[in-house]
Amino acid sequence: MKNPKTNRYVKIDRDAGRIIAQKKSPGPYKGIPIAEKRKD
């Protein structure tokens, strides 16, 4: 998922709901699905 404040991609632990890592180089992670916003 892309962090709008830092404009970088981050890895999120879906079970815990926490950010695991932030990517330094531009573009998304390879092989990691991009999370979409939840529709309540």
PDB file of N, CA and C in Angstrom:
ATOM      1  N   MET A   1       0.842  -1.163   0.000  1.00  0.00           N
ATOM      2  CA  MET A   1       0.000   0.000   0.000  1.00  0.00           C
ATOM      3  C   MET A   1       0.892   1.232   0.000  1.00  0.00           C
ATOM      4  N   LYS A   2       0.417   2.288  -0.579  1.00  0.00           N
ATOM      5  CA  LYS A   2       1.198   3.527  -0.649  1.00  0.00           C
ATOM      6  C   LYS A   2       0.812   4.451   0.500  1.00  0.00           C
ATOM      7  N   ASN A   3       1.820   4.950   1.205  1.00  0.00           N
ATOM      8  CA  ASN A   3       1.602   5.886   2.296  1.00  0.00           C
ATOM      9  C   ASN A   3       1.473   7.278   1.693  1.00  0.00           C
ATOM     10  N   PRO A   4       0.322   7.936   1.820  1.00  0.00           N
ATOM     11  CA  PRO A   4       0.143   9.247   1.193  1.00  0.00           C
ATOM     12  C   PRO A   4       0.992  10.360   1.808  1.00  0.00           C
ATOM     13  N   LYS A   5       1.372  10.223   3.077  1.00  0.00           N
ATOM     14  CA  LYS A   5       2.172  11.260   3.725  1.00  0.00           C
ATOM     15  C   LYS A   5       3.615  11.242   3.229  1.00  0.00           C
ATOM     16  N   THR A   6       4.203  10.047   3.112  1.00  0.00           N
ATOM     17  CA  THR A   6       5.600   9.939   2.695  1.00  0.00           C
ATOM     18  C   THR A   6       5.727   9.676   1.198  1.00  0.00           C
ATOM     19  N   ASN A   7       4.627   9.306   0.544  1.00  0.00           N
ATOM     20  CA  ASN A   7       4.597   8.990  -0.884  1.00  0.00           C
ATOM     21  C   ASN A   7       5.490   7.786  -1.213  1.00  0.00           C
ATOM     22  N   ARG A   8       5.613   6.853  -0.264  1.00  0.00           N
ATOM     23  CA  ARG A   8       6.407   5.628  -0.439  1.00  0.00           C
ATOM     24  C   ARG A   8       5.509   4.417  -0.207  1.00  0.00           C
ATOM     25  N   TYR A   9       5.952   3.284  -0.746  1.00  0.00           N
ATOM     26  CA  TYR A   9       5.219   2.046  -0.528  1.00  0.00           C
ATOM     27  C   TYR A   9       5.674   1.401   0.779  1.00  0.00           C
ATOM     28  N   VAL A  10       4.735   0.789   1.494  1.00  0.00           N
ATOM     29  CA  VAL A  10       5.029   0.134   2.761  1.00  0.00           C
ATOM     30  C   VAL A  10       4.474  -1.282   2.748  1.00  0.00           C
ATOM     31  N   LYS A  11       5.097  -2.154   3.552  1.00  0.00           N
ATOM     32  CA  LYS A  11       4.581  -3.509   3.756  1.00  0.00           C
ATOM     33  C   LYS A  11       3.778  -3.488   5.043  1.00  0.00           C
ATOM     34  N   ILE A  12       2.604  -4.126   5.017  1.00  0.00           N
ATOM     35  CA  ILE A  12       1.730  -4.139   6.188  1.00  0.00           C
ATOM     36  C   ILE A  12       1.446  -5.581   6.591  1.00  0.00           C
ATOM     37  N   ASP A  13       1.569  -5.861   7.887  1.00  0.00           N
ATOM     38  CA  ASP A  13       1.191  -7.160   8.438  1.00  0.00           C
ATOM     39  C   ASP A  13      -0.325  -7.157   8.564  1.00  0.00           C
ATOM     40  N   ARG A  14      -0.998  -7.927   7.741  1.00  0.00           N
ATOM     41  CA  ARG A  14      -2.468  -7.900   7.719  1.00  0.00           C
ATOM     42  C   ARG A  14      -3.088  -8.436   8.997  1.00  0.00           C
ATOM     43  N   ASP A  15      -2.421  -9.392   9.650  1.00  0.00           N
ATOM     44  CA  ASP A  15      -2.970  -9.949  10.892  1.00  0.00           C
ATOM     45  C   ASP A  15      -2.898  -8.939  12.035  1.00  0.00           C
ATOM     46  N   ALA A  16      -1.756  -8.293  12.193  1.00  0.00           N
ATOM     47  CA  ALA A  16      -1.565  -7.348  13.295  1.00  0.00           C
ATOM     48  C   ALA A  16      -1.996  -5.933  12.914  1.00  0.00           C
ATOM     49  N   GLY A  17      -2.017  -5.639  11.610  1.00  0.00           N
ATOM     50  CA  GLY A  17      -2.405  -4.305  11.165  1.00  0.00           C
ATOM     51  C   GLY A  17      -1.318  -3.263  11.346  1.00  0.00           C
ATOM     52  N   ARG A  18      -0.049  -3.716  11.368  1.00  0.00           N
ATOM     53  CA  ARG A  18       1.069  -2.803  11.575  1.00  0.00           C
ATOM     54  C   ARG A  18       1.944  -2.708  10.332  1.00  0.00           C
ATOM     55  N   ILE A  19       2.642  -1.592  10.192  1.00  0.00           N
ATOM     56  CA  ILE A  19       3.589  -1.418   9.094  1.00  0.00           C
ATOM     57  C   ILE A  19       4.869  -2.177   9.445  1.00  0.00           C
ATOM     58  N   ILE A  20       5.336  -3.010   8.504  1.00  0.00           N
ATOM     59  CA  ILE A  20       6.540  -3.811   8.721  1.00  0.00           C
ATOM     60  C   ILE A  20       7.772  -3.107   8.155  1.00  0.00           C
ATOM     61  N   ALA A  21       7.661  -2.618   6.918  1.00  0.00           N
ATOM     62  CA  ALA A  21       8.816  -2.019   6.259  1.00  0.00           C
ATOM     63  C   ALA A  21       8.365  -0.927   5.312  1.00  0.00           C
ATOM     64  N   GLN A  22       9.294  -0.020   4.998  1.00  0.00           N
ATOM     65  CA  GLN A  22       9.033   1.053   4.044  1.00  0.00           C
ATOM     66  C   GLN A  22      10.098   0.973   2.966  1.00  0.00           C
ATOM     67  N   LYS A  23       9.686   1.129   1.720  1.00  0.00           N
ATOM     68  CA  LYS A  23      10.607   1.034   0.596  1.00  0.00           C
ATOM     69  C   LYS A  23      11.292   2.373   0.346  1.00  0.00           C
ATOM     70  N   LYS A  24      12.618   2.338   0.162  1.00  0.00           N
ATOM     71  CA  LYS A  24      13.388   3.561  -0.070  1.00  0.00           C
ATOM     72  C   LYS A  24      13.345   3.979  -1.530  1.00  0.00           C
ATOM     73  N   SER A  25      13.413   2.996  -2.445  1.00  0.00           N
ATOM     74  CA  SER A  25      13.403   3.317  -3.875  1.00  0.00           C
ATOM     75  C   SER A  25      11.972   3.494  -4.361  1.00  0.00           C
ATOM     76  N   PRO A  26      11.771   4.212  -5.454  1.00  0.00           N
ATOM     77  CA  PRO A  26      10.406   4.431  -5.955  1.00  0.00           C
ATOM     78  C   PRO A  26       9.787   3.163  -6.528  1.00  0.00           C
ATOM     79  N   GLY A  27       8.462   3.122  -6.545  1.00  0.00           N
ATOM     80  CA  GLY A  27       7.735   1.993  -7.116  1.00  0.00           C
ATOM     81  C   GLY A  27       7.324   0.991  -6.062  1.00  0.00           C
ATOM     82  N   PRO A  28       6.372   0.127  -6.410  1.00  0.00           N
ATOM     83  CA  PRO A  28       5.884  -0.869  -5.451  1.00  0.00           C
ATOM     84  C   PRO A  28       6.859  -2.040  -5.291  1.00  0.00           C
ATOM     85  N   TYR A  29       6.622  -2.858  -4.258  1.00  0.00           N
ATOM     86  CA  TYR A  29       7.404  -4.076  -4.040  1.00  0.00           C
ATOM     87  C   TYR A  29       7.055  -5.103  -5.103  1.00  0.00           C
ATOM     88  N   LYS A  30       8.021  -5.926  -5.496  1.00  0.00           N
ATOM     89  CA  LYS A  30       7.773  -7.005  -6.454  1.00  0.00           C
ATOM     90  C   LYS A  30       7.158  -8.187  -5.710  1.00  0.00           C
ATOM     91  N   GLY A  31       6.105  -8.768  -6.267  1.00  0.00           N
ATOM     92  CA  GLY A  31       5.514  -9.970  -5.695  1.00  0.00           C
ATOM     93  C   GLY A  31       4.671  -9.751  -4.461  1.00  0.00           C
ATOM     94  N   ILE A  32       4.462  -8.512  -4.049  1.00  0.00           N
ATOM     95  CA  ILE A  32       3.629  -8.201  -2.883  1.00  0.00           C
ATOM     96  C   ILE A  32       2.338  -7.569  -3.400  1.00  0.00           C
ATOM     97  N   PRO A  33       1.162  -8.113  -3.030  1.00  0.00           N
ATOM     98  CA  PRO A  33      -0.089  -7.513  -3.507  1.00  0.00           C
ATOM     99  C   PRO A  33      -0.303  -6.134  -2.893  1.00  0.00           C
ATOM    100  N   ILE A  34      -0.890  -5.250  -3.679  1.00  0.00           N
ATOM    101  CA  ILE A  34      -1.187  -3.900  -3.202  1.00  0.00           C
ATOM    102  C   ILE A  34      -2.572  -3.911  -2.560  1.00  0.00           C
ATOM    103  N   ALA A  35      -2.625  -3.477  -1.302  1.00  0.00           N
ATOM    104  CA  ALA A  35      -3.880  -3.465  -0.558  1.00  0.00           C
ATOM    105  C   ALA A  35      -4.780  -2.342  -1.059  1.00  0.00           C
ATOM    106  N   GLU A  36      -6.040  -2.624  -1.132  1.00  0.00           N
ATOM    107  CA  GLU A  36      -7.047  -1.629  -1.516  1.00  0.00           C
ATOM    108  C   GLU A  36      -7.768  -1.160  -0.271  1.00  0.00           C
ATOM    109  N   LYS A  37      -8.394  -0.027  -0.335  1.00  0.00           N
ATOM    110  CA  LYS A  37      -9.181   0.480   0.782  1.00  0.00           C
ATOM    111  C   LYS A  37     -10.367  -0.427   1.023  1.00  0.00           C
ATOM    112  N   ARG A  38     -10.719  -0.615   2.274  1.00  0.00           N
ATOM    113  CA  ARG A  38     -11.867  -1.458   2.613  1.00  0.00           C
ATOM    114  C   ARG A  38     -13.160  -0.728   2.323  1.00  0.00           C
ATOM    115  N   LYS A  39     -14.146  -1.491   1.877  1.00  0.00           N
ATOM    116  CA  LYS A  39     -15.476  -0.932   1.641  1.00  0.00           C
ATOM    117  C   LYS A  39     -16.371  -1.430   2.756  1.00  0.00           C
ATOM    118  N   ASP A  40     -16.744  -0.550   3.676  1.00  0.00           N
ATOM    119  CA  ASP A  40     -17.568  -0.952   4.832  1.00  0.00           C
ATOM    120  C   ASP A  40     -19.023  -1.003   4.481  1.00  0.00           C
TER     121      ASP A  40
END
